[in-house]
Amino acid sequence: MLLTPRLQILFLINATVLITHQIDAAYWHEWELFDLPGGNQLNLLLNLPIIALVLYAQGRVATNTKAAVFYYKLVAFLGFLTVAIHGAFFIAGNEAFMQPMSIALLIATSLFSFVQLLLLRIVARS
């Protein structure tokens, strides 16, 4: 199955929101939320493969390779995972990521991830 241009654009938007969330995570010292022993240094090391994966996925989706649908779904999953993790932080009473743009990024990736999978299903049925 080939991804339509609309699906590819939606993927790019969600990937951009996820990477922007990682920038926001540095502001909030996310490594402290996870109690990482290496602090920011370990956090940066952990973000290298995550961001590389998102950028690699963008390449697969943009070139519409056979693996494009897998990577398309993977980034939607990463969006849901990000929202679930931060939802747990909110429920636990953590006050990080409470600025309007921080919340907007989390809501956006939740919506874009949902719409990504919904539209993929609709296109697959066509």
PDB file of N, CA and C in Angstrom:
ATOM      1  N   MET A   1       0.840  -1.186   0.000  1.00  0.00           N
ATOM      2  CA  MET A   1       0.000   0.000   0.000  1.00  0.00           C
ATOM      3  C   MET A   1       0.878   1.240   0.000  1.00  0.00           C
ATOM      4  N   LEU A   2       0.591   2.162  -0.871  1.00  0.00           N
ATOM      5  CA  LEU A   2       1.293   3.437  -0.903  1.00  0.00           C
ATOM      6  C   LEU A   2       0.535   4.465  -0.071  1.00  0.00           C
ATOM      7  N   LEU A   3       1.284   5.331   0.586  1.00  0.00           N
ATOM      8  CA  LEU A   3       0.676   6.389   1.380  1.00  0.00           C
ATOM      9  C   LEU A   3       0.329   7.566   0.472  1.00  0.00           C
ATOM     10  N   THR A   4      -0.847   8.121   0.660  1.00  0.00           N
ATOM     11  CA  THR A   4      -1.264   9.278  -0.136  1.00  0.00           C
ATOM     12  C   THR A   4      -0.498  10.516   0.332  1.00  0.00           C
ATOM     13  N   PRO A   5      -0.443  11.542  -0.497  1.00  0.00           N
ATOM     14  CA  PRO A   5       0.217  12.786  -0.065  1.00  0.00           C
ATOM     15  C   PRO A   5      -0.386  13.364   1.223  1.00  0.00           C
ATOM     16  N   ARG A   6      -1.693  13.235   1.395  1.00  0.00           N
ATOM     17  CA  ARG A   6      -2.335  13.730   2.609  1.00  0.00           C
ATOM     18  C   ARG A   6      -1.812  12.984   3.846  1.00  0.00           C
ATOM     19  N   LEU A   7      -1.665  11.668   3.730  1.00  0.00           N
ATOM     20  CA  LEU A   7      -1.131  10.886   4.837  1.00  0.00           C
ATOM     21  C   LEU A   7       0.321  11.259   5.119  1.00  0.00           C
ATOM     22  N   GLN A   8       1.087  11.501   4.077  1.00  0.00           N
ATOM     23  CA  GLN A   8       2.484  11.879   4.253  1.00  0.00           C
ATOM     24  C   GLN A   8       2.608  13.235   4.963  1.00  0.00           C
ATOM     25  N   ILE A   9       1.760  14.182   4.601  1.00  0.00           N
ATOM     26  CA  ILE A   9       1.782  15.496   5.250  1.00  0.00           C
ATOM     27  C   ILE A   9       1.378  15.370   6.710  1.00  0.00           C
ATOM     28  N   LEU A  10       0.354  14.582   6.987  1.00  0.00           N
ATOM     29  CA  LEU A  10      -0.085  14.366   8.362  1.00  0.00           C
ATOM     30  C   LEU A  10       1.035  13.743   9.197  1.00  0.00           C
ATOM     31  N   PHE A  11       1.744  12.801   8.615  1.00  0.00           N
ATOM     32  CA  PHE A  11       2.888  12.193   9.297  1.00  0.00           C
ATOM     33  C   PHE A  11       3.930  13.253   9.629  1.00  0.00           C
ATOM     34  N   LEU A  12       4.275  14.092   8.656  1.00  0.00           N
ATOM     35  CA  LEU A  12       5.274  15.138   8.861  1.00  0.00           C
ATOM     36  C   LEU A  12       4.859  16.093   9.979  1.00  0.00           C
ATOM     37  N   ILE A  13       3.603  16.449  10.003  1.00  0.00           N
ATOM     38  CA  ILE A  13       3.108  17.345  11.054  1.00  0.00           C
ATOM     39  C   ILE A  13       3.258  16.684  12.426  1.00  0.00           C
ATOM     40  N   ASN A  14       2.856  15.427  12.547  1.00  0.00           N
ATOM     41  CA  ASN A  14       2.947  14.740  13.833  1.00  0.00           C
ATOM     42  C   ASN A  14       4.403  14.544  14.254  1.00  0.00           C
ATOM     43  N   ALA A  15       5.266  14.195  13.321  1.00  0.00           N
ATOM     44  CA  ALA A  15       6.686  14.032  13.637  1.00  0.00           C
ATOM     45  C   ALA A  15       7.276  15.354  14.121  1.00  0.00           C
ATOM     46  N   THR A  16       6.876  16.448  13.503  1.00  0.00           N
ATOM     47  CA  THR A  16       7.346  17.773  13.912  1.00  0.00           C
ATOM     48  C   THR A  16       6.870  18.111  15.323  1.00  0.00           C
ATOM     49  N   VAL A  17       5.628  17.801  15.614  1.00  0.00           N
ATOM     50  CA  VAL A  17       5.092  18.044  16.956  1.00  0.00           C
ATOM     51  C   VAL A  17       5.847  17.205  17.989  1.00  0.00           C
ATOM     52  N   LEU A  18       6.123  15.949  17.674  1.00  0.00           N
ATOM     53  CA  LEU A  18       6.848  15.087  18.611  1.00  0.00           C
ATOM     54  C   LEU A  18       8.267  15.594  18.871  1.00  0.00           C
ATOM     55  N   ILE A  19       8.956  16.016  17.837  1.00  0.00           N
ATOM     56  CA  ILE A  19      10.313  16.549  18.024  1.00  0.00           C
ATOM     57  C   ILE A  19      10.263  17.859  18.810  1.00  0.00           C
ATOM     58  N   THR A  20       9.270  18.683  18.549  1.00  0.00           N
ATOM     59  CA  THR A  20       9.121  19.934  19.309  1.00  0.00           C
ATOM     60  C   THR A  20       8.825  19.630  20.773  1.00  0.00           C
ATOM     61  N   HIS A  21       8.064  18.578  21.027  1.00  0.00           N
ATOM     62  CA  HIS A  21       7.831  18.164  22.415  1.00  0.00           C
ATOM     63  C   HIS A  21       9.157  17.813  23.085  1.00  0.00           C
ATOM     64  N   GLN A  22      10.067  17.175  22.363  1.00  0.00           N
ATOM     65  CA  GLN A  22      11.370  16.829  22.950  1.00  0.00           C
ATOM     66  C   GLN A  22      12.168  18.080  23.296  1.00  0.00           C
ATOM     67  N   ILE A  23      12.022  19.125  22.515  1.00  0.00           N
ATOM     68  CA  ILE A  23      12.655  20.407  22.855  1.00  0.00           C
ATOM     69  C   ILE A  23      12.031  20.949  24.140  1.00  0.00           C
ATOM     70  N   ASP A  24      10.718  20.872  24.231  1.00  0.00           N
ATOM     71  CA  ASP A  24      10.004  21.312  25.430  1.00  0.00           C
ATOM     72  C   ASP A  24      10.421  20.475  26.641  1.00  0.00           C
ATOM     73  N   ALA A  25      10.669  19.193  26.420  1.00  0.00           N
ATOM     74  CA  ALA A  25      11.083  18.299  27.509  1.00  0.00           C
ATOM     75  C   ALA A  25      12.401  18.752  28.129  1.00  0.00           C
ATOM     76  N   ALA A  26      13.280  19.326  27.317  1.00  0.00           N
ATOM     77  CA  ALA A  26      14.544  19.842  27.860  1.00  0.00           C
ATOM     78  C   ALA A  26      14.267  21.025  28.790  1.00  0.00           C
ATOM     79  N   TYR A  27      13.322  21.866  28.425  1.00  0.00           N
ATOM     80  CA  TYR A  27      12.957  23.002  29.278  1.00  0.00           C
ATOM     81  C   TYR A  27      12.457  22.516  30.648  1.00  0.00           C
ATOM     82  N   TRP A  28      11.665  21.462  30.622  1.00  0.00           N
ATOM     83  CA  TRP A  28      11.055  20.948  31.847  1.00  0.00           C
ATOM     84  C   TRP A  28      11.971  19.982  32.602  1.00  0.00           C
ATOM     85  N   HIS A  29      13.159  19.759  32.133  1.00  0.00           N
ATOM     86  CA  HIS A  29      14.098  18.820  32.778  1.00  0.00           C
ATOM     87  C   HIS A  29      13.446  17.451  32.932  1.00  0.00           C
ATOM     88  N   GLU A  30      12.988  16.923  31.826  1.00  0.00           N
ATOM     89  CA  GLU A  30      12.262  15.654  31.832  1.00  0.00           C
ATOM     90  C   GLU A  30      13.067  14.522  32.476  1.00  0.00           C
ATOM     91  N   TRP A  31      14.375  14.605  32.406  1.00  0.00           N
ATOM     92  CA  TRP A  31      15.216  13.577  33.012  1.00  0.00           C
ATOM     93  C   TRP A  31      14.973  13.490  34.517  1.00  0.00           C
ATOM     94  N   GLU A  32      14.563  14.592  35.136  1.00  0.00           N
ATOM     95  CA  GLU A  32      14.240  14.568  36.564  1.00  0.00           C
ATOM     96  C   GLU A  32      12.931  13.828  36.811  1.00  0.00           C
ATOM     97  N   LEU A  33      11.973  13.965  35.894  1.00  0.00           N
ATOM     98  CA  LEU A  33      10.704  13.237  36.023  1.00  0.00           C
ATOM     99  C   LEU A  33      10.932  11.733  35.974  1.00  0.00           C
ATOM    100  N   PHE A  34      11.868  11.314  35.121  1.00  0.00           N
ATOM    101  CA  PHE A  34      12.184   9.898  34.996  1.00  0.00           C
ATOM    102  C   PHE A  34      13.254   9.458  35.985  1.00  0.00           C
ATOM    103  N   ASP A  35      13.773  10.402  36.749  1.00  0.00           N
ATOM    104  CA  ASP A  35      14.822  10.128  37.745  1.00  0.00           C
ATOM    105  C   ASP A  35      16.009   9.414  37.106  1.00  0.00           C
ATOM    106  N   LEU A  36      16.439   9.932  35.943  1.00  0.00           N
ATOM    107  CA  LEU A  36      17.577   9.339  35.240  1.00  0.00           C
ATOM    108  C   LEU A  36      18.867   9.629  36.006  1.00  0.00           C
ATOM    109  N   PRO A  37      19.661   8.617  36.265  1.00  0.00           N
ATOM    110  CA  PRO A  37      20.880   8.814  37.059  1.00  0.00           C
ATOM    111  C   PRO A  37      21.910   9.718  36.387  1.00  0.00           C
ATOM    112  N   GLY A  38      21.951   9.768  35.087  1.00  0.00           N
ATOM    113  CA  GLY A  38      22.931  10.587  34.381  1.00  0.00           C
ATOM    114  C   GLY A  38      22.435  11.980  34.060  1.00  0.00           C
ATOM    115  N   GLY A  39      21.239  12.322  34.540  1.00  0.00           N
ATOM    116  CA  GLY A  39      20.692  13.653  34.306  1.00  0.00           C
ATOM    117  C   GLY A  39      20.548  13.971  32.830  1.00  0.00           C
ATOM    118  N   ASN A  40      20.819  15.236  32.515  1.00  0.00           N
ATOM    119  CA  ASN A  40      20.663  15.712  31.150  1.00  0.00           C
ATOM    120  C   ASN A  40      21.578  14.978  30.173  1.00  0.00           C
ATOM    121  N   GLN A  41      22.752  14.574  30.622  1.00  0.00           N
ATOM    122  CA  GLN A  41      23.687  13.899  29.720  1.00  0.00           C
ATOM    123  C   GLN A  41      23.106  12.579  29.217  1.00  0.00           C
ATOM    124  N   LEU A  42      22.538  11.790  30.117  1.00  0.00           N
ATOM    125  CA  LEU A  42      21.908  10.534  29.701  1.00  0.00           C
ATOM    126  C   LEU A  42      20.660  10.816  28.874  1.00  0.00           C
ATOM    127  N   ASN A  43      19.915  11.837  29.254  1.00  0.00           N
ATOM    128  CA  ASN A  43      18.727  12.217  28.505  1.00  0.00           C
ATOM    129  C   ASN A  43      19.079  12.530  27.055  1.00  0.00           C
ATOM    130  N   LEU A  44      20.148  13.286  26.843  1.00  0.00           N
ATOM    131  CA  LEU A  44      20.578  13.597  25.478  1.00  0.00           C
ATOM    132  C   LEU A  44      20.962  12.332  24.722  1.00  0.00           C
ATOM    133  N   LEU A  45      21.675  11.439  25.379  1.00  0.00           N
ATOM    134  CA  LEU A  45      22.066  10.185  24.730  1.00  0.00           C
ATOM    135  C   LEU A  45      20.846   9.347  24.351  1.00  0.00           C
ATOM    136  N   LEU A  46      19.842   9.325  25.211  1.00  0.00           N
ATOM    137  CA  LEU A  46      18.630   8.558  24.922  1.00  0.00           C
ATOM    138  C   LEU A  46      17.822   9.177  23.785  1.00  0.00           C
ATOM    139  N   ASN A  47      17.899  10.505  23.649  1.00  0.00           N
ATOM    140  CA  ASN A  47      17.148  11.175  22.593  1.00  0.00           C
ATOM    141  C   ASN A  47      17.770  10.997  21.215  1.00  0.00           C
ATOM    142  N   LEU A  48      19.060  10.712  21.151  1.00  0.00           N
ATOM    143  CA  LEU A  48      19.700  10.515  19.846  1.00  0.00           C
ATOM    144  C   LEU A  48      19.024   9.416  19.028  1.00  0.00           C
ATOM    145  N   PRO A  49      18.848   8.201  19.570  1.00  0.00           N
ATOM    146  CA  PRO A  49      18.192   7.172  18.753  1.00  0.00           C
ATOM    147  C   PRO A  49      16.706   7.432  18.527  1.00  0.00           C
ATOM    148  N   ILE A  50      16.054   8.087  19.466  1.00  0.00           N
ATOM    149  CA  ILE A  50      14.625   8.381  19.297  1.00  0.00           C
ATOM    150  C   ILE A  50      14.414   9.349  18.140  1.00  0.00           C
ATOM    151  N   ILE A  51      15.174  10.438  18.150  1.00  0.00           N
ATOM    152  CA  ILE A  51      15.031  11.430  17.085  1.00  0.00           C
ATOM    153  C   ILE A  51      15.530  10.855  15.759  1.00  0.00           C
ATOM    154  N   ALA A  52      16.597  10.073  15.792  1.00  0.00           N
ATOM    155  CA  ALA A  52      17.076   9.421  14.567  1.00  0.00           C
ATOM    156  C   ALA A  52      15.992   8.517  13.984  1.00  0.00           C
ATOM    157  N   LEU A  53      15.295   7.786  14.839  1.00  0.00           N
ATOM    158  CA  LEU A  53      14.223   6.905  14.373  1.00  0.00           C
ATOM    159  C   LEU A  53      13.105   7.706  13.716  1.00  0.00           C
ATOM    160  N   VAL A  54      12.714   8.807  14.327  1.00  0.00           N
ATOM    161  CA  VAL A  54      11.647   9.641  13.748  1.00  0.00           C
ATOM    162  C   VAL A  54      12.093  10.210  12.400  1.00  0.00           C
ATOM    163  N   LEU A  55      13.348  10.667  12.316  1.00  0.00           N
ATOM    164  CA  LEU A  55      13.845  11.202  11.045  1.00  0.00           C
ATOM    165  C   LEU A  55      13.971  10.103   9.983  1.00  0.00           C
ATOM    166  N   TYR A  56      14.421   8.931  10.398  1.00  0.00           N
ATOM    167  CA  TYR A  56      14.502   7.797   9.465  1.00  0.00           C
ATOM    168  C   TYR A  56      13.097   7.437   8.968  1.00  0.00           C
ATOM    169  N   ALA A  57      12.142   7.417   9.888  1.00  0.00           N
ATOM    170  CA  ALA A  57      10.757   7.119   9.524  1.00  0.00           C
ATOM    171  C   ALA A  57      10.243   8.149   8.515  1.00  0.00           C
ATOM    172  N   GLN A  58      10.600   9.408   8.721  1.00  0.00           N
ATOM    173  CA  GLN A  58      10.192  10.445   7.771  1.00  0.00           C
ATOM    174  C   GLN A  58      10.721  10.135   6.374  1.00  0.00           C
ATOM    175  N   GLY A  59      11.949   9.683   6.296  1.00  0.00           N
ATOM    176  CA  GLY A  59      12.523   9.317   5.001  1.00  0.00           C
ATOM    177  C   GLY A  59      11.777   8.173   4.336  1.00  0.00           C
ATOM    178  N   ARG A  60      11.413   7.161   5.137  1.00  0.00           N
ATOM    179  CA  ARG A  60      10.683   6.012   4.588  1.00  0.00           C
ATOM    180  C   ARG A  60       9.302   6.452   4.112  1.00  0.00           C
ATOM    181  N   VAL A  61       8.636   7.298   4.890  1.00  0.00           N
ATOM    182  CA  VAL A  61       7.292   7.754   4.519  1.00  0.00           C
ATOM    183  C   VAL A  61       7.372   8.675   3.300  1.00  0.00           C
ATOM    184  N   ALA A  62       8.346   9.562   3.268  1.00  0.00           N
ATOM    185  CA  ALA A  62       8.470  10.512   2.151  1.00  0.00           C
ATOM    186  C   ALA A  62       8.758   9.809   0.829  1.00  0.00           C
ATOM    187  N   THR A  63       9.559   8.734   0.884  1.00  0.00           N
ATOM    188  CA  THR A  63       9.888   8.011  -0.351  1.00  0.00           C
ATOM    189  C   THR A  63       8.896   6.889  -0.646  1.00  0.00           C
ATOM    190  N   ASN A  64       7.957   6.686   0.267  1.00  0.00           N
ATOM    191  CA  ASN A  64       6.891   5.693   0.081  1.00  0.00           C
ATOM    192  C   ASN A  64       7.447   4.302  -0.196  1.00  0.00           C
ATOM    193  N   THR A  65       8.420   3.904   0.600  1.00  0.00           N
ATOM    194  CA  THR A  65       8.991   2.563   0.461  1.00  0.00           C
ATOM    195  C   THR A  65       7.991   1.520   0.960  1.00  0.00           C
ATOM    196  N   LYS A  66       8.339   0.247   0.780  1.00  0.00           N
ATOM    197  CA  LYS A  66       7.468  -0.832   1.263  1.00  0.00           C
ATOM    198  C   LYS A  66       7.239  -0.734   2.771  1.00  0.00           C
ATOM    199  N   ALA A  67       8.215  -0.220   3.488  1.00  0.00           N
ATOM    200  CA  ALA A  67       8.123  -0.120   4.950  1.00  0.00           C
ATOM    201  C   ALA A  67       7.425   1.156   5.415  1.00  0.00           C
ATOM    202  N   ALA A  68       6.967   1.987   4.495  1.00  0.00           N
ATOM    203  CA  ALA A  68       6.383   3.285   4.862  1.00  0.00           C
ATOM    204  C   ALA A  68       5.218   3.145   5.836  1.00  0.00           C
ATOM    205  N   VAL A  69       4.345   2.206   5.599  1.00  0.00           N
ATOM    206  CA  VAL A  69       3.167   2.047   6.466  1.00  0.00           C
ATOM    207  C   VAL A  69       3.593   1.654   7.874  1.00  0.00           C
ATOM    208  N   PHE A  70       4.592   0.793   8.002  1.00  0.00           N
ATOM    209  CA  PHE A  70       5.095   0.413   9.322  1.00  0.00           C
ATOM    210  C   PHE A  70       5.589   1.652  10.084  1.00  0.00           C
ATOM    211  N   TYR A  71       6.419   2.462   9.440  1.00  0.00           N
ATOM    212  CA  TYR A  71       6.970   3.643  10.096  1.00  0.00           C
ATOM    213  C   TYR A  71       5.899   4.699  10.345  1.00  0.00           C
ATOM    214  N   TYR A  72       4.933   4.771   9.475  1.00  0.00           N
ATOM    215  CA  TYR A  72       3.794   5.670   9.655  1.00  0.00           C
ATOM    216  C   TYR A  72       3.056   5.324  10.950  1.00  0.00           C
ATOM    217  N   LYS A  73       2.792   4.028  11.132  1.00  0.00           N
ATOM    218  CA  LYS A  73       2.117   3.562  12.350  1.00  0.00           C
ATOM    219  C   LYS A  73       3.013   3.730  13.574  1.00  0.00           C
ATOM    220  N   LEU A  74       4.303   3.520  13.409  1.00  0.00           N
ATOM    221  CA  LEU A  74       5.244   3.632  14.528  1.00  0.00           C
ATOM    222  C   LEU A  74       5.228   5.030  15.129  1.00  0.00           C
ATOM    223  N   VAL A  75       5.232   6.048  14.282  1.00  0.00           N
ATOM    224  CA  VAL A  75       5.233   7.420  14.801  1.00  0.00           C
ATOM    225  C   VAL A  75       3.894   7.735  15.476  1.00  0.00           C
ATOM    226  N   ALA A  76       2.804   7.224  14.961  1.00  0.00           N
ATOM    227  CA  ALA A  76       1.516   7.399  15.644  1.00  0.00           C
ATOM    228  C   ALA A  76       1.567   6.742  17.026  1.00  0.00           C
ATOM    229  N   PHE A  77       2.162   5.554  17.095  1.00  0.00           N
ATOM    230  CA  PHE A  77       2.319   4.867  18.377  1.00  0.00           C
ATOM    231  C   PHE A  77       3.183   5.698  19.331  1.00  0.00           C
ATOM    232  N   LEU A  78       4.282   6.268  18.832  1.00  0.00           N
ATOM    233  CA  LEU A  78       5.134   7.112  19.681  1.00  0.00           C
ATOM    234  C   LEU A  78       4.350   8.320  20.213  1.00  0.00           C
ATOM    235  N   GLY A  79       3.454   8.847  19.392  1.00  0.00           N
ATOM    236  CA  GLY A  79       2.602   9.946  19.845  1.00  0.00           C
ATOM    237  C   GLY A  79       1.712   9.513  20.996  1.00  0.00           C
ATOM    238  N   PHE A  80       1.067   8.357  20.847  1.00  0.00           N
ATOM    239  CA  PHE A  80       0.210   7.845  21.924  1.00  0.00           C
ATOM    240  C   PHE A  80       1.019   7.524  23.182  1.00  0.00           C
ATOM    241  N   LEU A  81       2.205   6.956  23.000  1.00  0.00           N
ATOM    242  CA  LEU A  81       3.063   6.636  24.141  1.00  0.00           C
ATOM    243  C   LEU A  81       3.463   7.905  24.893  1.00  0.00           C
ATOM    244  N   THR A  82       3.824   8.941  24.158  1.00  0.00           N
ATOM    245  CA  THR A  82       4.194  10.220  24.772  1.00  0.00           C
ATOM    246  C   THR A  82       3.042  10.774  25.596  1.00  0.00           C
ATOM    247  N   VAL A  83       1.855  10.757  25.038  1.00  0.00           N
ATOM    248  CA  VAL A  83       0.679  11.274  25.739  1.00  0.00           C
ATOM    249  C   VAL A  83       0.369  10.420  26.969  1.00  0.00           C
ATOM    250  N   ALA A  84       0.486   9.105  26.853  1.00  0.00           N
ATOM    251  CA  ALA A  84       0.212   8.221  27.993  1.00  0.00           C
ATOM    252  C   ALA A  84       1.195   8.474  29.134  1.00  0.00           C
ATOM    253  N   ILE A  85       2.459   8.612  28.804  1.00  0.00           N
ATOM    254  CA  ILE A  85       3.472   8.864  29.838  1.00  0.00           C
ATOM    255  C   ILE A  85       3.182  10.178  30.551  1.00  0.00           C
ATOM    256  N   HIS A  86       2.892  11.215  29.787  1.00  0.00           N
ATOM    257  CA  HIS A  86       2.630  12.515  30.414  1.00  0.00           C
ATOM    258  C   HIS A  86       1.282  12.539  31.118  1.00  0.00           C
ATOM    259  N   GLY A  87       0.339  11.763  30.634  1.00  0.00           N
ATOM    260  CA  GLY A  87      -0.927  11.622  31.349  1.00  0.00           C
ATOM    261  C   GLY A  87      -0.704  11.032  32.732  1.00  0.00           C
ATOM    262  N   ALA A  88       0.192  10.047  32.812  1.00  0.00           N
ATOM    263  CA  ALA A  88       0.524   9.451  34.119  1.00  0.00           C
ATOM    264  C   ALA A  88       1.192  10.482  35.026  1.00  0.00           C
ATOM    265  N   PHE A  89       2.053  11.314  34.450  1.00  0.00           N
ATOM    266  CA  PHE A  89       2.679  12.373  35.252  1.00  0.00           C
ATOM    267  C   PHE A  89       1.627  13.350  35.778  1.00  0.00           C
ATOM    268  N   PHE A  90       0.666  13.715  34.926  1.00  0.00           N
ATOM    269  CA  PHE A  90      -0.399  14.628  35.352  1.00  0.00           C
ATOM    270  C   PHE A  90      -1.223  14.009  36.479  1.00  0.00           C
ATOM    271  N   ILE A  91      -1.598  12.750  36.315  1.00  0.00           N
ATOM    272  CA  ILE A  91      -2.397  12.054  37.334  1.00  0.00           C
ATOM    273  C   ILE A  91      -1.643  11.977  38.648  1.00  0.00           C
ATOM    274  N   ALA A  92      -0.316  11.808  38.570  1.00  0.00           N
ATOM    275  CA  ALA A  92       0.512  11.732  39.776  1.00  0.00           C
ATOM    276  C   ALA A  92       0.695  13.104  40.433  1.00  0.00           C
ATOM    277  N   GLY A  93       0.177  14.155  39.794  1.00  0.00           N
ATOM    278  CA  GLY A  93       0.253  15.483  40.383  1.00  0.00           C
ATOM    279  C   GLY A  93       1.477  16.288  40.001  1.00  0.00           C
ATOM    280  N   ASN A  94       2.230  15.801  39.019  1.00  0.00           N
ATOM    281  CA  ASN A  94       3.411  16.538  38.592  1.00  0.00           C
ATOM    282  C   ASN A  94       2.986  17.811  37.874  1.00  0.00           C
ATOM    283  N   GLU A  95       3.686  18.903  38.153  1.00  0.00           N
ATOM    284  CA  GLU A  95       3.304  20.193  37.587  1.00  0.00           C
ATOM    285  C   GLU A  95       4.112  20.586  36.348  1.00  0.00           C
ATOM    286  N   ALA A  96       4.968  19.696  35.875  1.00  0.00           N
ATOM    287  CA  ALA A  96       5.723  19.972  34.654  1.00  0.00           C
ATOM    288  C   ALA A  96       4.793  19.886  33.445  1.00  0.00           C
ATOM    289  N   PHE A  97       5.170  20.521  32.372  1.00  0.00           N
ATOM    290  CA  PHE A  97       4.433  20.514  31.110  1.00  0.00           C
ATOM    291  C   PHE A  97       3.039  21.119  31.251  1.00  0.00           C
ATOM    292  N   MET A  98       2.909  22.098  32.140  1.00  0.00           N
ATOM    293  CA  MET A  98       1.594  22.707  32.360  1.00  0.00           C
ATOM    294  C   MET A  98       1.431  24.051  31.662  1.00  0.00           C
ATOM    295  N   GLN A  99       2.420  24.492  30.916  1.00  0.00           N
ATOM    296  CA  GLN A  99       2.255  25.725  30.146  1.00  0.00           C
ATOM    297  C   GLN A  99       1.355  25.449  28.946  1.00  0.00           C
ATOM    298  N   PRO A 100       0.679  26.476  28.451  1.00  0.00           N
ATOM    299  CA  PRO A 100      -0.261  26.253  27.336  1.00  0.00           C
ATOM    300  C   PRO A 100       0.346  25.552  26.123  1.00  0.00           C
ATOM    301  N   MET A 101       1.550  25.931  25.710  1.00  0.00           N
ATOM    302  CA  MET A 101       2.140  25.267  24.531  1.00  0.00           C
ATOM    303  C   MET A 101       2.537  23.826  24.832  1.00  0.00           C
ATOM    304  N   SER A 102       2.978  23.543  26.045  1.00  0.00           N
ATOM    305  CA  SER A 102       3.313  22.168  26.421  1.00  0.00           C
ATOM    306  C   SER A 102       2.074  21.286  26.315  1.00  0.00           C
ATOM    307  N   ILE A 103       0.977  21.792  26.840  1.00  0.00           N
ATOM    308  CA  ILE A 103      -0.288  21.051  26.784  1.00  0.00           C
ATOM    309  C   ILE A 103      -0.771  20.939  25.338  1.00  0.00           C
ATOM    310  N   ALA A 104      -0.639  22.026  24.585  1.00  0.00           N
ATOM    311  CA  ALA A 104      -1.074  22.019  23.178  1.00  0.00           C
ATOM    312  C   ALA A 104      -0.301  20.982  22.370  1.00  0.00           C
ATOM    313  N   LEU A 105       1.001  20.856  22.614  1.00  0.00           N
ATOM    314  CA  LEU A 105       1.801  19.857  21.894  1.00  0.00           C
ATOM    315  C   LEU A 105       1.319  18.440  22.208  1.00  0.00           C
ATOM    316  N   LEU A 106       1.010  18.173  23.478  1.00  0.00           N
ATOM    317  CA  LEU A 106       0.535  16.843  23.857  1.00  0.00           C
ATOM    318  C   LEU A 106      -0.842  16.550  23.263  1.00  0.00           C
ATOM    319  N   ILE A 107      -1.717  17.541  23.299  1.00  0.00           N
ATOM    320  CA  ILE A 107      -3.044  17.360  22.691  1.00  0.00           C
ATOM    321  C   ILE A 107      -2.908  17.165  21.186  1.00  0.00           C
ATOM    322  N   ALA A 108      -2.042  17.964  20.575  1.00  0.00           N
ATOM    323  CA  ALA A 108      -1.857  17.868  19.121  1.00  0.00           C
ATOM    324  C   ALA A 108      -1.348  16.495  18.714  1.00  0.00           C
ATOM    325  N   THR A 109      -0.334  15.976  19.408  1.00  0.00           N
ATOM    326  CA  THR A 109       0.190  14.663  19.001  1.00  0.00           C
ATOM    327  C   THR A 109      -0.843  13.565  19.245  1.00  0.00           C
ATOM    328  N   SER A 110      -1.671  13.737  20.260  1.00  0.00           N
ATOM    329  CA  SER A 110      -2.743  12.771  20.486  1.00  0.00           C
ATOM    330  C   SER A 110      -3.730  12.789  19.317  1.00  0.00           C
ATOM    331  N   LEU A 111      -4.149  13.983  18.933  1.00  0.00           N
ATOM    332  CA  LEU A 111      -5.102  14.111  17.825  1.00  0.00           C
ATOM    333  C   LEU A 111      -4.497  13.673  16.494  1.00  0.00           C
ATOM    334  N   PHE A 112      -3.275  14.126  16.210  1.00  0.00           N
ATOM    335  CA  PHE A 112      -2.642  13.755  14.949  1.00  0.00           C
ATOM    336  C   PHE A 112      -2.394  12.256  14.865  1.00  0.00           C
ATOM    337  N   SER A 113      -2.012  11.636  15.977  1.00  0.00           N
ATOM    338  CA  SER A 113      -1.790  10.186  15.979  1.00  0.00           C
ATOM    339  C   SER A 113      -3.098   9.447  15.690  1.00  0.00           C
ATOM    340  N   PHE A 114      -4.175   9.896  16.320  1.00  0.00           N
ATOM    341  CA  PHE A 114      -5.481   9.280  16.096  1.00  0.00           C
ATOM    342  C   PHE A 114      -5.917   9.445  14.639  1.00  0.00           C
ATOM    343  N   VAL A 115      -5.802  10.665  14.134  1.00  0.00           N
ATOM    344  CA  VAL A 115      -6.223  10.932  12.753  1.00  0.00           C
ATOM    345  C   VAL A 115      -5.333  10.167  11.765  1.00  0.00           C
ATOM    346  N   GLN A 116      -4.037  10.059  12.059  1.00  0.00           N
ATOM    347  CA  GLN A 116      -3.142   9.274  11.202  1.00  0.00           C
ATOM    348  C   GLN A 116      -3.682   7.860  11.014  1.00  0.00           C
ATOM    349  N   LEU A 117      -3.992   7.209  12.123  1.00  0.00           N
ATOM    350  CA  LEU A 117      -4.446   5.817  12.050  1.00  0.00           C
ATOM    351  C   LEU A 117      -5.835   5.703  11.445  1.00  0.00           C
ATOM    352  N   LEU A 118      -6.697   6.653  11.749  1.00  0.00           N
ATOM    353  CA  LEU A 118      -8.051   6.650  11.184  1.00  0.00           C
ATOM    354  C   LEU A 118      -8.002   6.811   9.662  1.00  0.00           C
ATOM    355  N   LEU A 119      -7.253   7.794   9.179  1.00  0.00           N
ATOM    356  CA  LEU A 119      -7.173   8.014   7.732  1.00  0.00           C
ATOM    357  C   LEU A 119      -6.473   6.864   7.022  1.00  0.00           C
ATOM    358  N   LEU A 120      -5.478   6.286   7.684  1.00  0.00           N
ATOM    359  CA  LEU A 120      -4.801   5.118   7.088  1.00  0.00           C
ATOM    360  C   LEU A 120      -5.801   3.983   6.885  1.00  0.00           C
ATOM    361  N   ARG A 121      -6.656   3.778   7.858  1.00  0.00           N
ATOM    362  CA  ARG A 121      -7.668   2.728   7.745  1.00  0.00           C
ATOM    363  C   ARG A 121      -8.652   3.034   6.612  1.00  0.00           C
ATOM    364  N   ILE A 122      -9.046   4.269   6.516  1.00  0.00           N
ATOM    365  CA  ILE A 122      -9.995   4.674   5.463  1.00  0.00           C
ATOM    366  C   ILE A 122      -9.360   4.483   4.084  1.00  0.00           C
ATOM    367  N   VAL A 123      -8.102   4.903   3.931  1.00  0.00           N
ATOM    368  CA  VAL A 123      -7.406   4.754   2.649  1.00  0.00           C
ATOM    369  C   VAL A 123      -7.203   3.287   2.314  1.00  0.00           C
ATOM    370  N   ALA A 124      -6.903   2.471   3.306  1.00  0.00           N
ATOM    371  CA  ALA A 124      -6.685   1.041   3.068  1.00  0.00           C
ATOM    372  C   ALA A 124      -7.960   0.356   2.571  1.00  0.00           C
ATOM    373  N   ARG A 125      -9.094   0.832   3.018  1.00  0.00           N
ATOM    374  CA  ARG A 125     -10.368   0.244   2.596  1.00  0.00           C
ATOM    375  C   ARG A 125     -10.763   0.657   1.179  1.00  0.00           C
ATOM    376  N   SER A 126     -10.192   1.762   0.726  1.00  0.00           N
ATOM    377  CA  SER A 126     -10.565   2.296  -0.612  1.00  0.00           C
ATOM    378  C   SER A 126      -9.995   1.463  -1.723  1.00  0.00           C
TER     379      SER A 126
END
